C-alpha cells in the first residue's frame, strides 16, 4: 500500500468524523428551532452532551458502511477489507484521543465502545458488499 493510498484512507476517516459532527450540529439546529424551542443556551448545551454520542452511533453506521463500500470499490476487491479497516482504525484512534482528552466516564466509555464496534461492523460490511458486488 502506497503513502498516497494511506493518505486517502486517513482522509476518508477524517471525512466521516467531520460528517458525523455536522450531522450532530444539524440535529441540534432542528432540535432547538423545531422540536423544543424557547430554552436558554445552557439547556441545549446540556442536551447535546447527552445526544451527541447517540447521533454518532446512529449516523456513524451508514457513513462508515458507505466509506467501506467506496474504499472496497475504488481500491479494488483485494484491498477492500484492509482499506476499510484502516479507515476504521484511524477514526477509532482519533475518536479515542478526543474522548480521553475530554474526560471519560463509565457511561461515555460504554457509548464509545458501542459506537466504535458498530462502525467497525459497518465498515467491514461495506467492504464485503463491495467485494461481493465486484463479483
Protein backbone atom coordinates (compact mmCIF):
# COMPACT_ATOMS: atom_id res chain seq x y z
CA UNK A 1 0.00 0.00 0.00
CA UNK A 2 1.43 3.35 -1.03
CA UNK A 3 1.71 6.51 1.03
CA UNK A 4 -0.81 8.22 -1.25
CA UNK A 5 -3.34 5.45 -0.72
CA UNK A 6 -2.83 5.57 3.05
CA UNK A 7 -3.30 9.36 3.00
CA UNK A 8 -6.56 8.94 1.06
CA UNK A 9 -7.82 6.39 3.59
CA UNK A 10 -6.91 8.65 6.51
CA UNK A 11 -8.71 11.46 4.70
CA UNK A 12 -11.78 9.24 4.43
CA UNK A 13 -11.69 8.63 8.18
CA UNK A 14 -11.45 12.37 8.82
CA UNK A 15 -14.29 12.93 6.37
CA UNK A 16 -16.50 10.51 8.29
CA UNK A 17 -15.63 12.30 11.51
CA UNK A 18 -16.47 15.72 10.04
CA UNK A 19 -19.74 14.40 8.57
CA UNK A 20 -20.64 12.85 11.92
CA UNK A 21 -20.08 16.15 13.73
CA UNK A 22 -22.03 18.00 11.03
CA UNK A 23 -24.98 15.64 11.50
CA UNK A 24 -24.89 16.27 15.25
CA UNK A 25 -24.89 20.04 14.63
CA UNK A 26 -27.78 19.66 12.18
CA UNK A 27 -29.68 17.60 14.75
CA UNK A 28 -29.16 20.31 17.37
CA UNK A 29 -30.37 23.00 14.97
CA UNK A 30 -33.55 21.05 14.26
CA UNK A 31 -33.98 20.23 17.94
CA UNK A 32 -33.56 23.80 19.13
CA UNK A 33 -35.63 25.50 16.41
CA UNK A 34 -38.32 22.91 15.68
CA UNK A 35 -38.64 20.23 18.34
CA UNK A 36 -38.03 22.00 21.66
CA UNK A 37 -37.93 25.77 21.14
CA UNK A 38 -37.63 28.55 23.65
CA UNK A 39 -34.96 27.44 26.09
CA UNK A 40 -31.71 29.04 27.19
CA UNK A 41 -28.39 28.14 25.59
CA UNK A 42 -27.38 26.12 28.65
CA UNK A 43 -30.37 23.83 28.17
CA UNK A 44 -29.27 22.99 24.63
CA UNK A 45 -25.63 22.63 25.70
CA UNK A 46 -26.70 20.04 28.26
CA UNK A 47 -28.85 18.26 25.68
CA UNK A 48 -26.07 17.97 23.12
CA UNK A 49 -23.83 16.38 25.76
CA UNK A 50 -26.39 13.59 26.04
CA UNK A 51 -27.43 13.42 22.38
CA UNK A 52 -24.04 13.59 20.63
CA UNK A 53 -22.92 10.01 21.39
CA UNK A 54 -26.23 8.65 20.13
CA UNK A 55 -26.01 10.80 16.99
CA UNK A 56 -22.53 9.38 16.43
CA UNK A 57 -23.80 5.82 16.69
CA UNK A 58 -26.88 6.29 14.51
CA UNK A 59 -25.24 8.44 11.82
CA UNK A 60 -21.86 6.71 12.01
CA UNK A 61 -23.07 3.30 10.91
CA UNK A 62 -24.31 4.28 7.43
CA UNK A 63 -21.39 6.71 6.96
CA UNK A 64 -18.85 4.00 7.76
CA UNK A 65 -20.71 1.44 5.64
CA UNK A 66 -20.64 3.70 2.58
CA UNK A 67 -16.98 4.63 3.11
CA UNK A 68 -16.12 0.93 3.46
CA UNK A 69 -18.11 0.21 0.31
CA UNK A 70 -16.44 3.08 -1.54
CA UNK A 71 -12.96 2.04 -0.45
CA UNK A 72 -13.65 -1.53 -1.50
CA UNK A 73 -14.93 -0.48 -4.90
CA UNK A 74 -12.37 2.25 -5.50
CA UNK A 75 -9.24 0.49 -4.31
CA UNK A 76 -10.19 -2.93 -5.61
CA UNK A 77 -11.52 -6.12 -4.13
CA UNK A 78 -8.12 -7.39 -2.96
CA UNK A 79 -7.68 -4.40 -0.64
CA UNK A 80 -11.35 -3.84 0.24
CA UNK A 81 -11.30 -5.18 3.79
CA UNK A 82 -7.82 -3.86 4.53
CA UNK A 83 -8.79 -0.38 3.34
CA UNK A 84 -11.98 -0.37 5.39
CA UNK A 85 -10.10 -1.48 8.50
CA UNK A 86 -7.50 1.27 8.03
CA UNK A 87 -10.28 3.84 7.78
CA UNK A 88 -11.94 2.50 10.90
CA UNK A 89 -8.68 2.26 12.88
CA UNK A 90 -7.79 5.85 12.01
CA UNK A 91 -11.25 7.00 13.08
CA UNK A 92 -11.01 4.99 16.31
CA UNK A 93 -7.61 6.40 17.28
CA UNK A 94 -8.74 9.99 16.72
CA UNK A 95 -12.06 9.43 18.48
CA UNK A 96 -10.42 7.77 21.48
CA UNK A 97 -7.88 10.59 21.75
CA UNK A 98 -10.66 13.19 21.77
CA UNK A 99 -12.70 11.28 24.34
CA UNK A 100 -9.67 10.69 26.57
CA UNK A 101 -8.80 14.39 26.45
CA UNK A 102 -12.34 15.41 27.37
CA UNK A 103 -12.61 13.09 30.36
CA UNK A 104 -14.02 9.60 30.23
CA UNK A 105 -16.87 8.44 32.42
CA UNK A 106 -18.19 4.88 32.56
CA UNK A 107 -21.33 5.85 30.62
CA UNK A 108 -19.26 7.59 27.97
CA UNK A 109 -16.90 4.61 27.77
CA UNK A 110 -19.82 2.26 27.09
CA UNK A 111 -21.23 4.58 24.41
CA UNK A 112 -17.81 4.98 22.77
CA UNK A 113 -17.34 1.21 22.74
CA UNK A 114 -20.76 0.72 21.14
CA UNK A 115 -20.04 3.49 18.65
CA UNK A 116 -16.69 2.05 17.60
CA UNK A 117 -17.93 -1.53 17.40
CA UNK A 118 -20.92 -0.57 15.24
CA UNK A 119 -18.66 1.50 12.99
CA UNK A 120 -16.24 -1.44 12.68
CA UNK A 121 -19.08 -3.77 11.69
CA UNK A 122 -20.41 -1.21 9.21
CA UNK A 123 -17.04 -0.55 7.56
CA UNK A 124 -16.31 -4.27 7.34
CA UNK A 125 -19.79 -4.93 5.97
CA UNK A 126 -19.39 -2.21 3.36
CA UNK A 127 -16.10 -3.71 2.21
CA UNK A 128 -17.62 -7.18 1.99
CA UNK A 129 -20.56 -5.88 -0.03
CA UNK A 130 -18.11 -4.10 -2.36
CA UNK A 131 -16.20 -7.37 -2.82
CA UNK A 132 -19.41 -9.29 -3.44
CA UNK A 133 -20.69 -6.61 -5.82
CA UNK A 134 -17.46 -6.71 -7.85
CA UNK A 135 -18.02 -10.37 -8.45
